[in-house]
Amino acid sequence: MAADDLPDLALAQRILAAQPFSVLLGARITAFGGGAATLDLDIRDDLRQQNGYLHGGVLGYAADNALTFAAGTVLGPALLTVGFTIDYLRPAHHGVLRARATVVDSGRSRATCRCDLYTVDADGTEDRCAIAQGAVVAPTPRTADGSRPSDAQRP
């Protein structure tokens, strides 16, 4: 994809704002470009689990979206996550959750990305709480009859 065709920070922010779940969580794209993306969200009481820590599903959401937005810097805006893994290193319990993702490897239609997740204190100190890795693809669009252009080539 040509560099002129790749999304910029403003487009990434509009795409995030069009995701109702992201709006519900209050997620923000704070950096986007050059094979990297950063997503922030405030750690709120309604996002905590029974022990008072940020729910693991919120960390998973942040990793998934940050991985996909990082991939968008090299593949373009129409993407799907193929899968990802996450390792929780320590509980996230205060401040801001920051998910910083980078593209590790990419081809024409697939990118492998890594995401480091941090809690950020009021003074800006980051404490890593999770690490994720995943793959993102730019799916082949379907034709008007619902087939993909490559379907005719399959046995």
C-alpha atoms as a PDB file:
ATOM      1  CA  MET A   1       0.000   0.000   0.000  1.00  0.00           C
ATOM      2  CA  ALA A   2       1.328   3.430  -0.920  1.00  0.00           C
ATOM      3  CA  ALA A   3       2.213   5.737   1.957  1.00  0.00           C
ATOM      4  CA  ASP A   4      -0.360   8.272   0.713  1.00  0.00           C
ATOM      5  CA  ASP A   5      -3.104   5.634   1.093  1.00  0.00           C
ATOM      6  CA  LEU A   6      -2.315   4.869   4.739  1.00  0.00           C
ATOM      7  CA  PRO A   7      -4.483   6.359   7.475  1.00  0.00           C
ATOM      8  CA  ASP A   8      -3.226   9.180   9.686  1.00  0.00           C
ATOM      9  CA  LEU A   9      -3.887   9.973  13.363  1.00  0.00           C
ATOM     10  CA  ALA A  10      -7.066  11.942  12.585  1.00  0.00           C
ATOM     11  CA  LEU A  11      -8.555   9.056  10.580  1.00  0.00           C
ATOM     12  CA  ALA A  12      -7.535   6.556  13.270  1.00  0.00           C
ATOM     13  CA  GLN A  13      -9.322   8.688  15.879  1.00  0.00           C
ATOM     14  CA  ARG A  14     -12.475   8.807  13.706  1.00  0.00           C
ATOM     15  CA  ILE A  15     -12.374   5.023  13.248  1.00  0.00           C
ATOM     16  CA  LEU A  16     -12.064   4.531  17.020  1.00  0.00           C
ATOM     17  CA  ALA A  17     -14.912   6.992  17.639  1.00  0.00           C
ATOM     18  CA  ALA A  18     -17.122   4.892  15.306  1.00  0.00           C
ATOM     19  CA  GLN A  19     -16.706   1.833  17.586  1.00  0.00           C
ATOM     20  CA  PRO A  20     -19.501   1.948  20.204  1.00  0.00           C
ATOM     21  CA  PHE A  21     -17.626  -0.339  22.623  1.00  0.00           C
ATOM     22  CA  SER A  22     -14.512   1.839  22.438  1.00  0.00           C
ATOM     23  CA  VAL A  23     -16.645   4.902  23.148  1.00  0.00           C
ATOM     24  CA  LEU A  24     -18.230   3.102  26.124  1.00  0.00           C
ATOM     25  CA  LEU A  25     -14.765   2.409  27.558  1.00  0.00           C
ATOM     26  CA  GLY A  26     -13.542   5.943  26.826  1.00  0.00           C
ATOM     27  CA  ALA A  27     -10.580   4.746  24.737  1.00  0.00           C
ATOM     28  CA  ARG A  28      -8.354   7.290  22.993  1.00  0.00           C
ATOM     29  CA  ILE A  29      -5.764   6.893  20.215  1.00  0.00           C
ATOM     30  CA  THR A  30      -2.874   9.104  21.323  1.00  0.00           C
ATOM     31  CA  ALA A  31      -0.215   8.099  18.775  1.00  0.00           C
ATOM     32  CA  PHE A  32      -0.464   6.549  15.324  1.00  0.00           C
ATOM     33  CA  GLY A  33       2.019   6.097  12.509  1.00  0.00           C
ATOM     34  CA  GLY A  34       5.260   4.510  11.400  1.00  0.00           C
ATOM     35  CA  GLY A  35       4.306   0.977  12.402  1.00  0.00           C
ATOM     36  CA  ALA A  36       3.072   1.916  15.882  1.00  0.00           C
ATOM     37  CA  ALA A  37      -0.074   2.967  17.713  1.00  0.00           C
ATOM     38  CA  THR A  38      -0.893   3.897  21.298  1.00  0.00           C
ATOM     39  CA  LEU A  39      -4.313   3.575  22.912  1.00  0.00           C
ATOM     40  CA  ASP A  40      -5.113   5.045  26.356  1.00  0.00           C
ATOM     41  CA  LEU A  41      -8.109   4.626  28.632  1.00  0.00           C
ATOM     42  CA  ASP A  42      -8.815   5.747  32.170  1.00  0.00           C
ATOM     43  CA  ILE A  43      -9.020   3.001  34.790  1.00  0.00           C
ATOM     44  CA  ARG A  44     -12.489   3.481  36.291  1.00  0.00           C
ATOM     45  CA  ASP A  45     -14.292   1.714  39.111  1.00  0.00           C
ATOM     46  CA  ASP A  46     -16.891   0.255  36.728  1.00  0.00           C
ATOM     47  CA  LEU A  47     -14.098  -1.522  34.799  1.00  0.00           C
ATOM     48  CA  ARG A  48     -12.741  -3.381  37.828  1.00  0.00           C
ATOM     49  CA  GLN A  49     -13.184  -7.035  38.758  1.00  0.00           C
ATOM     50  CA  GLN A  50     -14.155  -8.346  42.212  1.00  0.00           C
ATOM     51  CA  ASN A  51     -10.664  -7.871  43.726  1.00  0.00           C
ATOM     52  CA  GLY A  52     -10.474  -4.210  42.730  1.00  0.00           C
ATOM     53  CA  TYR A  53      -8.129  -4.606  39.757  1.00  0.00           C
ATOM     54  CA  LEU A  54      -8.850  -3.653  36.163  1.00  0.00           C
ATOM     55  CA  HIS A  55     -10.724  -6.551  34.543  1.00  0.00           C
ATOM     56  CA  GLY A  56      -8.570  -8.707  32.258  1.00  0.00           C
ATOM     57  CA  GLY A  57     -11.117  -8.293  29.478  1.00  0.00           C
ATOM     58  CA  VAL A  58     -10.383  -4.562  29.394  1.00  0.00           C
ATOM     59  CA  LEU A  59      -6.667  -5.274  29.004  1.00  0.00           C
ATOM     60  CA  GLY A  60      -7.500  -7.770  26.251  1.00  0.00           C
ATOM     61  CA  TYR A  61      -9.650  -5.174  24.481  1.00  0.00           C
ATOM     62  CA  ALA A  62      -6.868  -2.574  24.687  1.00  0.00           C
ATOM     63  CA  ALA A  63      -4.260  -5.015  23.362  1.00  0.00           C
ATOM     64  CA  ASP A  64      -6.505  -6.156  20.493  1.00  0.00           C
ATOM     65  CA  ASN A  65      -7.341  -2.631  19.370  1.00  0.00           C
ATOM     66  CA  ALA A  66      -3.782  -1.316  19.735  1.00  0.00           C
ATOM     67  CA  LEU A  67      -2.410  -4.288  17.756  1.00  0.00           C
ATOM     68  CA  THR A  68      -4.941  -3.672  15.001  1.00  0.00           C
ATOM     69  CA  PHE A  69      -4.328   0.073  14.848  1.00  0.00           C
ATOM     70  CA  ALA A  70      -0.549  -0.498  14.678  1.00  0.00           C
ATOM     71  CA  ALA A  71      -1.138  -2.879  11.759  1.00  0.00           C
ATOM     72  CA  GLY A  72      -3.295  -0.193  10.150  1.00  0.00           C
ATOM     73  CA  THR A  73      -0.248   2.044   9.846  1.00  0.00           C
ATOM     74  CA  VAL A  74       1.217  -0.402   7.296  1.00  0.00           C
ATOM     75  CA  LEU A  75      -1.820  -2.275   5.891  1.00  0.00           C
ATOM     76  CA  GLY A  76      -4.498   0.418   5.756  1.00  0.00           C
ATOM     77  CA  PRO A  77      -7.801   0.848   7.603  1.00  0.00           C
ATOM     78  CA  ALA A  78      -9.868  -2.268   6.697  1.00  0.00           C
ATOM     79  CA  LEU A  79      -8.472  -4.953   9.025  1.00  0.00           C
ATOM     80  CA  LEU A  80      -9.401  -7.935  11.160  1.00  0.00           C
ATOM     81  CA  THR A  81      -7.521  -9.498  14.063  1.00  0.00           C
ATOM     82  CA  VAL A  82      -6.662 -13.135  13.308  1.00  0.00           C
ATOM     83  CA  GLY A  83      -5.746 -13.865  16.907  1.00  0.00           C
ATOM     84  CA  PHE A  84      -3.636 -12.717  19.813  1.00  0.00           C
ATOM     85  CA  THR A  85      -2.215 -13.936  23.090  1.00  0.00           C
ATOM     86  CA  ILE A  86      -1.776 -11.921  26.244  1.00  0.00           C
ATOM     87  CA  ASP A  87       0.321 -12.504  29.337  1.00  0.00           C
ATOM     88  CA  TYR A  88      -0.770 -10.646  32.465  1.00  0.00           C
ATOM     89  CA  LEU A  89       2.328  -9.651  34.434  1.00  0.00           C
ATOM     90  CA  ARG A  90       0.777  -7.800  37.370  1.00  0.00           C
ATOM     91  CA  PRO A  91      -2.594  -6.275  38.259  1.00  0.00           C
ATOM     92  CA  ALA A  92      -3.558  -2.935  36.760  1.00  0.00           C
ATOM     93  CA  HIS A  93      -5.247  -0.883  39.446  1.00  0.00           C
ATOM     94  CA  HIS A  94      -4.851   2.885  39.023  1.00  0.00           C
ATOM     95  CA  GLY A  95      -4.304   5.773  36.646  1.00  0.00           C
ATOM     96  CA  VAL A  96      -4.449   5.271  32.897  1.00  0.00           C
ATOM     97  CA  LEU A  97      -4.108   2.033  30.964  1.00  0.00           C
ATOM     98  CA  ARG A  98      -1.756   2.552  28.011  1.00  0.00           C
ATOM     99  CA  ALA A  99      -1.471  -0.023  25.213  1.00  0.00           C
ATOM    100  CA  ARG A 100       1.545   0.660  22.986  1.00  0.00           C
ATOM    101  CA  ALA A 101       1.728  -1.601  19.921  1.00  0.00           C
ATOM    102  CA  THR A 102       4.332  -1.968  17.189  1.00  0.00           C
ATOM    103  CA  VAL A 103       4.491  -3.917  13.952  1.00  0.00           C
ATOM    104  CA  VAL A 104       7.126  -6.651  14.230  1.00  0.00           C
ATOM    105  CA  ASP A 105       6.735  -8.021  10.687  1.00  0.00           C
ATOM    106  CA  SER A 106       4.387  -7.354   7.787  1.00  0.00           C
ATOM    107  CA  GLY A 107       3.611  -8.427   4.247  1.00  0.00           C
ATOM    108  CA  ARG A 108       1.025  -7.367   1.663  1.00  0.00           C
ATOM    109  CA  SER A 109      -2.003  -8.397   3.698  1.00  0.00           C
ATOM    110  CA  ARG A 110      -0.806  -9.580   7.129  1.00  0.00           C
ATOM    111  CA  ALA A 111       1.056  -8.000  10.037  1.00  0.00           C
ATOM    112  CA  THR A 112       2.401  -9.493  13.249  1.00  0.00           C
ATOM    113  CA  CYS A 113       2.407  -7.009  16.111  1.00  0.00           C
ATOM    114  CA  ARG A 114       3.474  -6.760  19.738  1.00  0.00           C
ATOM    115  CA  CYS A 115       1.746  -4.724  22.424  1.00  0.00           C
ATOM    116  CA  ASP A 116       3.070  -3.644  25.812  1.00  0.00           C
ATOM    117  CA  LEU A 117       0.409  -2.556  28.286  1.00  0.00           C
ATOM    118  CA  TYR A 118       1.184  -0.190  31.147  1.00  0.00           C
ATOM    119  CA  THR A 119      -0.508   1.601  33.981  1.00  0.00           C
ATOM    120  CA  VAL A 120       0.469   5.267  33.974  1.00  0.00           C
ATOM    121  CA  ASP A 121       0.537   7.305  37.203  1.00  0.00           C
ATOM    122  CA  ALA A 122      -0.396  10.988  37.442  1.00  0.00           C
ATOM    123  CA  ASP A 123       3.321  11.852  37.217  1.00  0.00           C
ATOM    124  CA  GLY A 124       3.665   9.883  33.948  1.00  0.00           C
ATOM    125  CA  THR A 125       5.475   6.870  35.406  1.00  0.00           C
ATOM    126  CA  GLU A 126       4.695   3.718  33.398  1.00  0.00           C
ATOM    127  CA  ASP A 127       4.523   0.256  34.992  1.00  0.00           C
ATOM    128  CA  ARG A 128       4.193  -2.681  32.549  1.00  0.00           C
ATOM    129  CA  CYS A 129       1.246  -4.908  33.469  1.00  0.00           C
ATOM    130  CA  ALA A 130       0.813  -7.127  30.379  1.00  0.00           C
ATOM    131  CA  ILE A 131       2.364  -8.117  27.055  1.00  0.00           C
ATOM    132  CA  ALA A 132       0.447  -9.253  23.971  1.00  0.00           C
ATOM    133  CA  GLN A 133       1.282 -10.460  20.483  1.00  0.00           C
ATOM    134  CA  GLY A 134      -1.067 -10.968  17.584  1.00  0.00           C
ATOM    135  CA  ALA A 135      -1.665 -11.146  13.863  1.00  0.00           C
ATOM    136  CA  VAL A 136      -3.857  -8.845  11.811  1.00  0.00           C
ATOM    137  CA  VAL A 137      -5.024  -9.263   8.202  1.00  0.00           C
ATOM    138  CA  ALA A 138      -6.467  -7.094   5.481  1.00  0.00           C
ATOM    139  CA  PRO A 139      -9.247  -9.411   4.258  1.00  0.00           C
ATOM    140  CA  THR A 140      -9.869  -9.932   0.567  1.00  0.00           C
ATOM    141  CA  PRO A 141     -13.097  -8.114  -0.299  1.00  0.00           C
ATOM    142  CA  ARG A 142     -16.031 -10.156  -1.595  1.00  0.00           C
ATOM    143  CA  THR A 143     -17.599  -9.564  -4.994  1.00  0.00           C
ATOM    144  CA  ALA A 144     -21.295  -8.701  -5.468  1.00  0.00           C
ATOM    145  CA  ASP A 145     -22.221 -12.420  -5.525  1.00  0.00           C
ATOM    146  CA  GLY A 146     -20.503 -13.010  -2.168  1.00  0.00           C
ATOM    147  CA  SER A 147     -17.455 -14.818  -3.526  1.00  0.00           C
ATOM    148  CA  ARG A 148     -13.877 -13.698  -3.225  1.00  0.00           C
ATOM    149  CA  PRO A 149     -11.833 -13.139  -6.382  1.00  0.00           C
ATOM    150  CA  SER A 150      -9.596 -16.069  -5.402  1.00  0.00           C
ATOM    151  CA  ASP A 151     -12.544 -18.516  -4.967  1.00  0.00           C
ATOM    152  CA  ALA A 152     -12.640 -19.255  -8.708  1.00  0.00           C
ATOM    153  CA  GLN A 153      -9.051 -20.475  -8.551  1.00  0.00           C
ATOM    154  CA  ARG A 154      -9.746 -23.073  -5.838  1.00  0.00           C
ATOM    155  CA  PRO A 155     -10.418 -26.731  -6.746  1.00  0.00           C
END
